[in-house]
Protein backbone atom coordinates (compact mmCIF):
# COMPACT_ATOMS: atom_id res chain seq x y z
CA UNK A 1 111.91 -78.81 -81.14
CA UNK A 2 111.85 -79.82 -84.56
CA UNK A 3 113.94 -83.26 -83.71
CA UNK A 4 111.95 -83.72 -81.04
CA UNK A 5 108.73 -83.54 -83.58
CA UNK A 6 110.25 -84.85 -86.12
CA UNK A 7 111.00 -88.21 -83.91
CA UNK A 8 107.34 -88.39 -82.37
CA UNK A 9 106.86 -88.26 -85.67
CA UNK A 10 108.90 -91.41 -86.92
CA UNK A 11 107.42 -93.67 -83.42
CA UNK A 12 103.97 -92.85 -85.01
CA UNK A 13 104.53 -93.79 -88.42
CA UNK A 14 106.59 -97.02 -87.12
CA UNK A 15 104.25 -97.74 -84.97
CA UNK A 16 101.58 -97.26 -87.24
CA UNK A 17 102.67 -99.77 -89.57
CA UNK A 18 104.06 -102.42 -87.46
CA UNK A 19 101.06 -103.30 -85.21
CA UNK A 20 98.67 -104.49 -87.09
CA UNK A 21 95.01 -103.01 -86.37
CA UNK A 22 93.52 -106.74 -86.65
CA UNK A 23 94.92 -107.15 -82.92
CA UNK A 24 93.64 -104.06 -82.03
CA UNK A 25 90.13 -104.35 -82.98
CA UNK A 26 89.29 -107.94 -81.33
CA UNK A 27 87.33 -108.24 -78.48
CA UNK A 28 86.42 -111.73 -76.60
CA UNK A 29 83.33 -112.43 -76.85
CA UNK A 30 83.23 -113.27 -72.92
CA UNK A 31 84.58 -110.21 -71.97
CA UNK A 32 81.15 -108.66 -72.75
CA UNK A 33 79.08 -110.67 -70.77
CA UNK A 34 81.58 -110.11 -67.83
CA UNK A 35 81.69 -106.19 -68.81
CA UNK A 36 78.08 -105.86 -69.30
CA UNK A 37 77.63 -107.80 -65.57
CA UNK A 38 79.77 -105.63 -63.88
CA UNK A 39 77.89 -102.18 -65.19
CA UNK A 40 75.02 -104.05 -63.96
CA UNK A 41 76.63 -104.57 -60.19
CA UNK A 42 78.16 -100.94 -60.29
CA UNK A 43 73.94 -99.35 -61.45
CA UNK A 44 72.34 -101.59 -58.51
CA UNK A 45 74.78 -100.27 -55.92
CA UNK A 46 75.36 -97.04 -57.14
CA UNK A 47 71.29 -96.82 -57.51
CA UNK A 48 70.63 -98.97 -54.02
CA UNK A 49 72.66 -96.16 -52.58
CA UNK A 50 70.98 -93.24 -53.66
CA UNK A 51 67.37 -94.86 -52.44
CA UNK A 52 68.71 -95.59 -48.87
CA UNK A 53 70.59 -91.97 -47.92
CA UNK A 54 67.79 -90.28 -50.40
CA UNK A 55 66.54 -88.15 -47.33
CA UNK A 56 70.53 -87.15 -45.79
CA UNK A 57 71.65 -86.52 -49.91
CA UNK A 58 68.50 -84.14 -49.98
CA UNK A 59 69.31 -82.42 -47.02
CA UNK A 60 72.46 -82.49 -48.21
CA UNK A 61 71.87 -80.37 -50.45
CA UNK A 62 69.54 -77.72 -49.05
CA UNK A 63 72.34 -76.70 -46.78
CA UNK A 64 74.12 -75.89 -49.67
CA UNK A 65 71.90 -74.27 -50.73
CA UNK A 66 70.87 -72.58 -48.43
CA UNK A 67 75.07 -71.31 -47.29
CA UNK A 68 74.75 -69.68 -50.43
CA UNK A 69 72.00 -68.09 -50.37
CA UNK A 70 72.86 -66.80 -46.69
CA UNK A 71 76.34 -65.50 -48.08
CA UNK A 72 75.15 -63.75 -51.01
CA UNK A 73 72.53 -62.27 -49.25
CA UNK A 74 75.26 -60.74 -46.75
CA UNK A 75 77.24 -59.49 -49.80
CA UNK A 76 73.80 -57.52 -50.74
CA UNK A 77 73.42 -56.08 -47.12
CA UNK A 78 77.21 -54.93 -46.99
CA UNK A 79 78.38 -57.53 -44.47
CA UNK A 80 76.55 -56.10 -42.04
CA UNK A 81 73.63 -58.65 -40.59
CA UNK A 82 70.36 -57.61 -38.11
CA UNK A 83 69.64 -58.85 -34.97
C-alpha cells in the first residue's frame, strides 16, 4: 500500500511541475459564446417542454402524492381497508 501511495504522489508531483498551468487557464473567446448559445437553446427547450406538458406533470405529481397517502393510510389501519 505504501508503494501505491508513493507512486501516486510522485506522478502528481511530476505532472504538476511538467504541465504548465497557463495552458489549462486559456479559453478561446469564441468558446464562451458557443457555450452560451447552447445553454440558451437548452434552457428554451426545457422551459417549452415544461410549459407544454405542465398539466400532465401536475397530474403525475398528484397521482404520486395520492399513492403515497393511500399507502400511508393503509399502513396506519393495519393493512385492512373498509369496503
